[in-house]
Amino acid sequence: MRKPVHILLVEDNEGDILLTTEALEESNITHQLSVVRNGKEALDWVFNQQSGEPDLILLDVNLPLKSGHEVLQAIKSDDTVKHIPVIMLTTSSSEKDVNLSYQYAANCYITKPVEVNDFLDAISTLCHFWVEVVTLPKNKA
């Protein structure tokens, strides 16, 4: 049996947290989900080795305290954690946000669908790809 994939969800919208949690449960992927609600908590969590390193980070762009771009830039510029795949999962479809995310080395950028069923499908597809198709890097910890 495969070890559970540890996903860190960085999201401040409670509705999106619930939908993402539901989608992950429905995906039947063995996972552990950790949730933080702002950019500062995200950086504290990622750089605190006591939390355990996530296998995958789902990161919103528009966050309180530190933006998703600031979090992404900090993660991808640090040799100890830059191997962790970071998926930008956001309502923003702004070309500026997309380009900045890739400039800071996001692994992919997904604009959250508005319709609930489309959102659930997007999370399920994302998880299938990143957990069952892709070979994730091994934790360095």
N, C-alpha and C. Protein backbone atom coordinates (compact mmCIF):
# COMPACT_ATOMS: atom_id res chain seq x y z
N MET A 1 0.84 -1.19 0.00
CA MET A 1 0.00 0.00 0.00
C MET A 1 0.88 1.25 0.00
N ARG A 2 0.50 2.20 -0.78
CA ARG A 2 1.25 3.44 -0.92
C ARG A 2 1.11 4.32 0.32
N LYS A 3 2.21 4.96 0.65
CA LYS A 3 2.21 5.91 1.77
C LYS A 3 1.30 7.09 1.41
N PRO A 4 0.56 7.62 2.38
CA PRO A 4 -0.32 8.77 2.09
C PRO A 4 0.49 9.96 1.59
N VAL A 5 -0.03 10.65 0.58
CA VAL A 5 0.61 11.86 0.10
C VAL A 5 0.21 12.99 1.05
N HIS A 6 1.19 13.76 1.47
CA HIS A 6 0.95 14.86 2.40
C HIS A 6 0.77 16.15 1.60
N ILE A 7 -0.43 16.70 1.65
CA ILE A 7 -0.77 17.91 0.90
C ILE A 7 -0.93 19.07 1.87
N LEU A 8 -0.26 20.18 1.54
CA LEU A 8 -0.44 21.41 2.30
C LEU A 8 -1.32 22.32 1.46
N LEU A 9 -2.48 22.67 1.98
CA LEU A 9 -3.40 23.59 1.32
C LEU A 9 -3.25 24.95 1.98
N VAL A 10 -2.90 25.95 1.18
CA VAL A 10 -2.75 27.32 1.68
C VAL A 10 -3.90 28.12 1.08
N GLU A 11 -4.92 28.34 1.89
CA GLU A 11 -6.17 28.92 1.41
C GLU A 11 -6.86 29.66 2.54
N ASP A 12 -7.35 30.87 2.26
CA ASP A 12 -8.03 31.64 3.29
C ASP A 12 -9.55 31.60 3.17
N ASN A 13 -10.09 31.06 2.10
CA ASN A 13 -11.53 31.01 1.89
C ASN A 13 -12.08 29.69 2.44
N GLU A 14 -12.92 29.79 3.47
CA GLU A 14 -13.44 28.59 4.13
C GLU A 14 -14.23 27.70 3.17
N GLY A 15 -14.98 28.30 2.25
CA GLY A 15 -15.74 27.53 1.28
C GLY A 15 -14.83 26.71 0.38
N ASP A 16 -13.73 27.31 -0.07
CA ASP A 16 -12.79 26.60 -0.92
C ASP A 16 -12.03 25.52 -0.15
N ILE A 17 -11.80 25.76 1.13
CA ILE A 17 -11.18 24.73 1.97
C ILE A 17 -12.10 23.52 2.06
N LEU A 18 -13.39 23.77 2.30
CA LEU A 18 -14.36 22.67 2.40
C LEU A 18 -14.49 21.92 1.08
N LEU A 19 -14.56 22.66 -0.03
CA LEU A 19 -14.68 22.02 -1.34
C LEU A 19 -13.44 21.19 -1.68
N THR A 20 -12.28 21.73 -1.38
CA THR A 20 -11.04 21.00 -1.66
C THR A 20 -10.96 19.74 -0.80
N THR A 21 -11.32 19.87 0.46
CA THR A 21 -11.34 18.71 1.36
C THR A 21 -12.28 17.64 0.84
N GLU A 22 -13.48 18.06 0.42
CA GLU A 22 -14.47 17.13 -0.12
C GLU A 22 -13.94 16.45 -1.39
N ALA A 23 -13.36 17.23 -2.27
CA ALA A 23 -12.83 16.68 -3.52
C ALA A 23 -11.72 15.66 -3.25
N LEU A 24 -10.86 15.96 -2.30
CA LEU A 24 -9.79 15.03 -1.95
C LEU A 24 -10.36 13.73 -1.38
N GLU A 25 -11.38 13.85 -0.55
CA GLU A 25 -12.02 12.65 0.01
C GLU A 25 -12.65 11.80 -1.09
N GLU A 26 -13.32 12.46 -2.03
CA GLU A 26 -13.98 11.75 -3.13
C GLU A 26 -12.98 11.14 -4.11
N SER A 27 -11.77 11.66 -4.15
CA SER A 27 -10.76 11.18 -5.11
C SER A 27 -10.23 9.80 -4.75
N ASN A 28 -10.46 9.36 -3.52
CA ASN A 28 -9.97 8.07 -3.03
C ASN A 28 -8.46 7.97 -3.03
N ILE A 29 -7.78 9.10 -3.01
CA ILE A 29 -6.33 9.11 -2.90
C ILE A 29 -5.98 9.12 -1.42
N THR A 30 -5.11 8.22 -1.02
CA THR A 30 -4.69 8.18 0.37
C THR A 30 -3.84 9.41 0.64
N HIS A 31 -4.33 10.26 1.52
CA HIS A 31 -3.65 11.54 1.73
C HIS A 31 -3.77 12.01 3.18
N GLN A 32 -2.88 12.92 3.51
CA GLN A 32 -2.96 13.67 4.76
C GLN A 32 -3.05 15.12 4.32
N LEU A 33 -4.02 15.84 4.81
CA LEU A 33 -4.20 17.24 4.43
C LEU A 33 -3.91 18.14 5.62
N SER A 34 -3.04 19.11 5.39
CA SER A 34 -2.79 20.16 6.37
C SER A 34 -3.25 21.46 5.74
N VAL A 35 -3.86 22.33 6.53
CA VAL A 35 -4.40 23.59 6.01
C VAL A 35 -3.85 24.76 6.81
N VAL A 36 -3.37 25.76 6.09
CA VAL A 36 -3.01 27.04 6.71
C VAL A 36 -3.76 28.12 5.96
N ARG A 37 -4.04 29.24 6.64
CA ARG A 37 -4.96 30.23 6.09
C ARG A 37 -4.35 31.57 5.70
N ASN A 38 -3.02 31.69 5.77
CA ASN A 38 -2.38 32.93 5.30
C ASN A 38 -0.94 32.64 4.90
N GLY A 39 -0.34 33.59 4.22
CA GLY A 39 1.00 33.40 3.71
C GLY A 39 2.07 33.23 4.78
N LYS A 40 1.92 33.95 5.88
CA LYS A 40 2.89 33.84 6.97
C LYS A 40 2.85 32.45 7.59
N GLU A 41 1.63 31.95 7.84
CA GLU A 41 1.48 30.59 8.38
C GLU A 41 2.07 29.56 7.42
N ALA A 42 1.90 29.80 6.13
CA ALA A 42 2.43 28.86 5.13
C ALA A 42 3.95 28.77 5.22
N LEU A 43 4.60 29.92 5.28
CA LEU A 43 6.06 29.92 5.37
C LEU A 43 6.54 29.32 6.69
N ASP A 44 5.86 29.67 7.78
CA ASP A 44 6.21 29.08 9.08
C ASP A 44 6.08 27.56 9.02
N TRP A 45 5.01 27.09 8.41
CA TRP A 45 4.74 25.66 8.34
C TRP A 45 5.78 24.95 7.48
N VAL A 46 6.07 25.48 6.29
CA VAL A 46 7.02 24.84 5.37
C VAL A 46 8.43 24.80 5.95
N PHE A 47 8.84 25.88 6.60
CA PHE A 47 10.21 25.96 7.10
C PHE A 47 10.37 25.40 8.50
N ASN A 48 9.29 24.93 9.12
CA ASN A 48 9.34 24.29 10.44
C ASN A 48 9.37 22.79 10.21
N GLN A 49 10.53 22.18 10.27
CA GLN A 49 10.67 20.76 9.97
C GLN A 49 9.88 19.86 10.93
N GLN A 50 9.46 20.38 12.07
CA GLN A 50 8.66 19.58 12.99
C GLN A 50 7.29 19.27 12.41
N SER A 51 6.85 20.08 11.44
CA SER A 51 5.54 19.88 10.83
C SER A 51 5.56 18.72 9.85
N GLY A 52 6.72 18.31 9.41
CA GLY A 52 6.82 17.29 8.37
C GLY A 52 6.67 17.96 7.01
N GLU A 53 7.56 17.61 6.11
CA GLU A 53 7.56 18.25 4.80
C GLU A 53 6.40 17.74 3.94
N PRO A 54 5.66 18.64 3.32
CA PRO A 54 4.57 18.18 2.45
C PRO A 54 5.13 17.60 1.15
N ASP A 55 4.36 16.73 0.53
CA ASP A 55 4.73 16.19 -0.77
C ASP A 55 4.28 17.13 -1.89
N LEU A 56 3.27 17.95 -1.59
CA LEU A 56 2.64 18.80 -2.58
C LEU A 56 2.01 19.99 -1.88
N ILE A 57 2.12 21.17 -2.50
CA ILE A 57 1.52 22.38 -1.92
C ILE A 57 0.51 22.94 -2.91
N LEU A 58 -0.72 23.17 -2.43
CA LEU A 58 -1.76 23.87 -3.20
C LEU A 58 -1.82 25.28 -2.62
N LEU A 59 -1.48 26.26 -3.45
CA LEU A 59 -1.27 27.62 -2.95
C LEU A 59 -2.15 28.64 -3.66
N ASP A 60 -2.93 29.38 -2.88
CA ASP A 60 -3.73 30.47 -3.42
C ASP A 60 -2.84 31.68 -3.67
N VAL A 61 -3.21 32.53 -4.60
CA VAL A 61 -2.44 33.75 -4.88
C VAL A 61 -2.78 34.84 -3.88
N ASN A 62 -4.06 35.06 -3.67
CA ASN A 62 -4.53 36.17 -2.83
C ASN A 62 -4.71 35.71 -1.39
N LEU A 63 -3.70 36.00 -0.58
CA LEU A 63 -3.69 35.57 0.82
C LEU A 63 -3.41 36.75 1.73
N PRO A 64 -3.89 36.69 2.97
CA PRO A 64 -3.52 37.72 3.95
C PRO A 64 -2.07 37.54 4.42
N LEU A 65 -1.50 38.63 4.91
CA LEU A 65 -0.17 38.73 5.51
C LEU A 65 0.98 38.60 4.51
N LYS A 66 1.01 37.57 3.71
CA LYS A 66 1.97 37.43 2.62
C LYS A 66 1.22 36.81 1.45
N SER A 67 1.45 37.35 0.27
CA SER A 67 0.75 36.83 -0.91
C SER A 67 1.27 35.44 -1.29
N GLY A 68 0.48 34.76 -2.09
CA GLY A 68 0.92 33.48 -2.61
C GLY A 68 2.21 33.59 -3.40
N HIS A 69 2.37 34.70 -4.12
CA HIS A 69 3.61 34.90 -4.88
C HIS A 69 4.82 35.03 -3.94
N GLU A 70 4.65 35.73 -2.83
CA GLU A 70 5.74 35.86 -1.85
C GLU A 70 6.09 34.49 -1.26
N VAL A 71 5.06 33.69 -0.98
CA VAL A 71 5.28 32.35 -0.42
C VAL A 71 6.00 31.49 -1.46
N LEU A 72 5.52 31.52 -2.68
CA LEU A 72 6.12 30.75 -3.77
C LEU A 72 7.58 31.12 -3.97
N GLN A 73 7.85 32.41 -4.02
CA GLN A 73 9.22 32.88 -4.24
C GLN A 73 10.14 32.40 -3.11
N ALA A 74 9.67 32.47 -1.87
CA ALA A 74 10.48 32.04 -0.72
C ALA A 74 10.77 30.54 -0.79
N ILE A 75 9.76 29.75 -1.15
CA ILE A 75 9.94 28.30 -1.23
C ILE A 75 10.90 27.94 -2.35
N LYS A 76 10.68 28.50 -3.51
CA LYS A 76 11.47 28.11 -4.68
C LYS A 76 12.88 28.69 -4.69
N SER A 77 13.17 29.60 -3.77
CA SER A 77 14.54 30.14 -3.70
C SER A 77 15.33 29.53 -2.53
N ASP A 78 14.75 28.54 -1.86
CA ASP A 78 15.42 27.89 -0.74
C ASP A 78 15.76 26.44 -1.12
N ASP A 79 17.03 26.11 -1.10
CA ASP A 79 17.49 24.79 -1.54
C ASP A 79 16.89 23.64 -0.74
N THR A 80 16.50 23.87 0.50
CA THR A 80 16.00 22.77 1.32
C THR A 80 14.56 22.38 1.00
N VAL A 81 13.78 23.27 0.36
CA VAL A 81 12.37 22.97 0.09
C VAL A 81 11.94 23.22 -1.35
N LYS A 82 12.84 23.71 -2.20
CA LYS A 82 12.42 24.09 -3.56
C LYS A 82 11.99 22.90 -4.41
N HIS A 83 12.33 21.68 -3.99
CA HIS A 83 11.93 20.49 -4.73
C HIS A 83 10.44 20.16 -4.56
N ILE A 84 9.78 20.76 -3.58
CA ILE A 84 8.37 20.47 -3.33
C ILE A 84 7.52 21.08 -4.45
N PRO A 85 6.71 20.29 -5.14
CA PRO A 85 5.86 20.86 -6.18
C PRO A 85 4.83 21.83 -5.58
N VAL A 86 4.70 23.00 -6.21
CA VAL A 86 3.74 24.00 -5.78
C VAL A 86 2.77 24.27 -6.92
N ILE A 87 1.50 24.01 -6.65
CA ILE A 87 0.44 24.23 -7.62
C ILE A 87 -0.32 25.47 -7.19
N MET A 88 -0.33 26.47 -8.05
CA MET A 88 -1.11 27.67 -7.77
C MET A 88 -2.57 27.33 -8.06
N LEU A 89 -3.43 27.47 -7.07
CA LEU A 89 -4.85 27.15 -7.18
C LEU A 89 -5.61 28.37 -6.71
N THR A 90 -6.14 29.15 -7.66
CA THR A 90 -6.63 30.47 -7.33
C THR A 90 -7.80 30.89 -8.20
N THR A 91 -8.52 31.89 -7.76
CA THR A 91 -9.61 32.44 -8.58
C THR A 91 -9.09 33.41 -9.62
N SER A 92 -7.86 33.86 -9.46
CA SER A 92 -7.31 34.86 -10.38
C SER A 92 -6.92 34.24 -11.72
N SER A 93 -7.44 34.84 -12.78
CA SER A 93 -7.02 34.42 -14.12
C SER A 93 -6.20 35.54 -14.77
N SER A 94 -5.73 36.46 -13.95
CA SER A 94 -4.93 37.59 -14.42
C SER A 94 -3.64 37.10 -15.08
N GLU A 95 -3.37 37.62 -16.26
CA GLU A 95 -2.14 37.26 -16.97
C GLU A 95 -0.91 37.60 -16.12
N LYS A 96 -0.99 38.70 -15.38
CA LYS A 96 0.11 39.11 -14.51
C LYS A 96 0.36 38.04 -13.43
N ASP A 97 -0.72 37.55 -12.80
CA ASP A 97 -0.58 36.53 -11.76
C ASP A 97 -0.03 35.22 -12.33
N VAL A 98 -0.53 34.83 -13.51
CA VAL A 98 -0.05 33.61 -14.15
C VAL A 98 1.45 33.73 -14.46
N ASN A 99 1.83 34.82 -15.12
CA ASN A 99 3.23 35.01 -15.50
C ASN A 99 4.16 35.08 -14.29
N LEU A 100 3.73 35.80 -13.25
CA LEU A 100 4.55 35.92 -12.05
C LEU A 100 4.72 34.56 -11.36
N SER A 101 3.66 33.78 -11.35
CA SER A 101 3.73 32.45 -10.74
C SER A 101 4.76 31.57 -11.45
N TYR A 102 4.75 31.59 -12.77
CA TYR A 102 5.73 30.78 -13.51
C TYR A 102 7.13 31.38 -13.41
N GLN A 103 7.21 32.69 -13.32
CA GLN A 103 8.52 33.34 -13.12
C GLN A 103 9.15 32.86 -11.82
N TYR A 104 8.32 32.67 -10.80
CA TYR A 104 8.81 32.20 -9.50
C TYR A 104 8.84 30.67 -9.40
N ALA A 105 8.69 29.99 -10.53
CA ALA A 105 8.85 28.53 -10.65
C ALA A 105 7.70 27.70 -10.09
N ALA A 106 6.47 28.19 -10.23
CA ALA A 106 5.31 27.35 -9.90
C ALA A 106 5.34 26.13 -10.81
N ASN A 107 4.89 25.00 -10.30
CA ASN A 107 4.85 23.80 -11.12
C ASN A 107 3.66 23.78 -12.06
N CYS A 108 2.58 24.45 -11.67
CA CYS A 108 1.46 24.68 -12.58
C CYS A 108 0.53 25.72 -11.96
N TYR A 109 -0.35 26.24 -12.79
CA TYR A 109 -1.28 27.30 -12.39
C TYR A 109 -2.67 26.88 -12.81
N ILE A 110 -3.56 26.78 -11.84
CA ILE A 110 -4.94 26.38 -12.11
C ILE A 110 -5.88 27.46 -11.59
N THR A 111 -6.74 27.93 -12.50
CA THR A 111 -7.78 28.88 -12.10
C THR A 111 -8.97 28.06 -11.60
N LYS A 112 -9.40 28.35 -10.38
CA LYS A 112 -10.49 27.60 -9.78
C LYS A 112 -11.77 27.78 -10.61
N PRO A 113 -12.39 26.67 -10.99
CA PRO A 113 -13.68 26.78 -11.67
C PRO A 113 -14.74 27.35 -10.73
N VAL A 114 -15.70 28.06 -11.29
CA VAL A 114 -16.76 28.70 -10.49
C VAL A 114 -17.81 27.68 -10.06
N GLU A 115 -18.18 26.79 -10.94
CA GLU A 115 -19.21 25.80 -10.63
C GLU A 115 -18.65 24.73 -9.70
N VAL A 116 -19.44 24.34 -8.70
CA VAL A 116 -19.00 23.39 -7.68
C VAL A 116 -18.55 22.07 -8.30
N ASN A 117 -19.34 21.49 -9.18
CA ASN A 117 -18.97 20.20 -9.78
C ASN A 117 -17.69 20.32 -10.60
N ASP A 118 -17.52 21.44 -11.29
CA ASP A 118 -16.30 21.65 -12.06
C ASP A 118 -15.09 21.79 -11.13
N PHE A 119 -15.31 22.46 -10.00
CA PHE A 119 -14.24 22.60 -9.00
C PHE A 119 -13.84 21.23 -8.46
N LEU A 120 -14.83 20.42 -8.09
CA LEU A 120 -14.56 19.08 -7.57
C LEU A 120 -13.82 18.23 -8.60
N ASP A 121 -14.24 18.33 -9.87
CA ASP A 121 -13.58 17.59 -10.94
C ASP A 121 -12.13 18.05 -11.13
N ALA A 122 -11.91 19.37 -11.05
CA ALA A 122 -10.56 19.91 -11.23
C ALA A 122 -9.62 19.40 -10.13
N ILE A 123 -10.08 19.39 -8.90
CA ILE A 123 -9.26 18.90 -7.78
C ILE A 123 -8.99 17.41 -7.94
N SER A 124 -10.00 16.67 -8.34
CA SER A 124 -9.83 15.23 -8.54
C SER A 124 -8.80 14.95 -9.65
N THR A 125 -8.90 15.68 -10.75
CA THR A 125 -7.96 15.51 -11.86
C THR A 125 -6.55 15.91 -11.43
N LEU A 126 -6.45 17.03 -10.73
CA LEU A 126 -5.16 17.51 -10.23
C LEU A 126 -4.52 16.46 -9.34
N CYS A 127 -5.29 15.91 -8.41
CA CYS A 127 -4.75 14.91 -7.49
C CYS A 127 -4.37 13.64 -8.22
N HIS A 128 -5.20 13.21 -9.14
CA HIS A 128 -4.87 12.01 -9.91
C HIS A 128 -3.52 12.20 -10.61
N PHE A 129 -3.35 13.33 -11.27
CA PHE A 129 -2.11 13.59 -11.99
C PHE A 129 -0.91 13.66 -11.06
N TRP A 130 -1.00 14.50 -10.02
CA TRP A 130 0.15 14.74 -9.15
C TRP A 130 0.44 13.60 -8.17
N VAL A 131 -0.52 12.73 -7.94
CA VAL A 131 -0.30 11.65 -6.98
C VAL A 131 -0.13 10.29 -7.66
N GLU A 132 -0.89 10.05 -8.73
CA GLU A 132 -0.85 8.73 -9.35
C GLU A 132 -0.06 8.68 -10.65
N VAL A 133 0.08 9.79 -11.35
CA VAL A 133 0.80 9.79 -12.62
C VAL A 133 2.25 10.24 -12.43
N VAL A 134 2.43 11.34 -11.75
CA VAL A 134 3.75 11.95 -11.56
C VAL A 134 4.50 11.22 -10.44
N THR A 135 5.80 11.12 -10.58
CA THR A 135 6.65 10.63 -9.49
C THR A 135 7.11 11.86 -8.72
N LEU A 136 6.68 11.98 -7.49
CA LEU A 136 7.03 13.12 -6.65
C LEU A 136 8.43 12.92 -6.06
N PRO A 137 9.14 14.03 -5.80
CA PRO A 137 10.45 13.88 -5.16
C PRO A 137 10.29 13.33 -3.75
N LYS A 138 11.28 12.60 -3.32
CA LYS A 138 11.27 12.08 -1.95
C LYS A 138 11.57 13.21 -0.99
N ASN A 139 10.92 13.18 0.17
CA ASN A 139 11.20 14.17 1.20
C ASN A 139 12.67 14.12 1.59
N LYS A 140 13.25 15.29 1.78
CA LYS A 140 14.66 15.34 2.20
C LYS A 140 14.81 15.16 3.69
N ALA A 141 13.72 15.37 4.43
CA ALA A 141 13.79 15.31 5.90
C ALA A 141 14.07 13.91 6.39
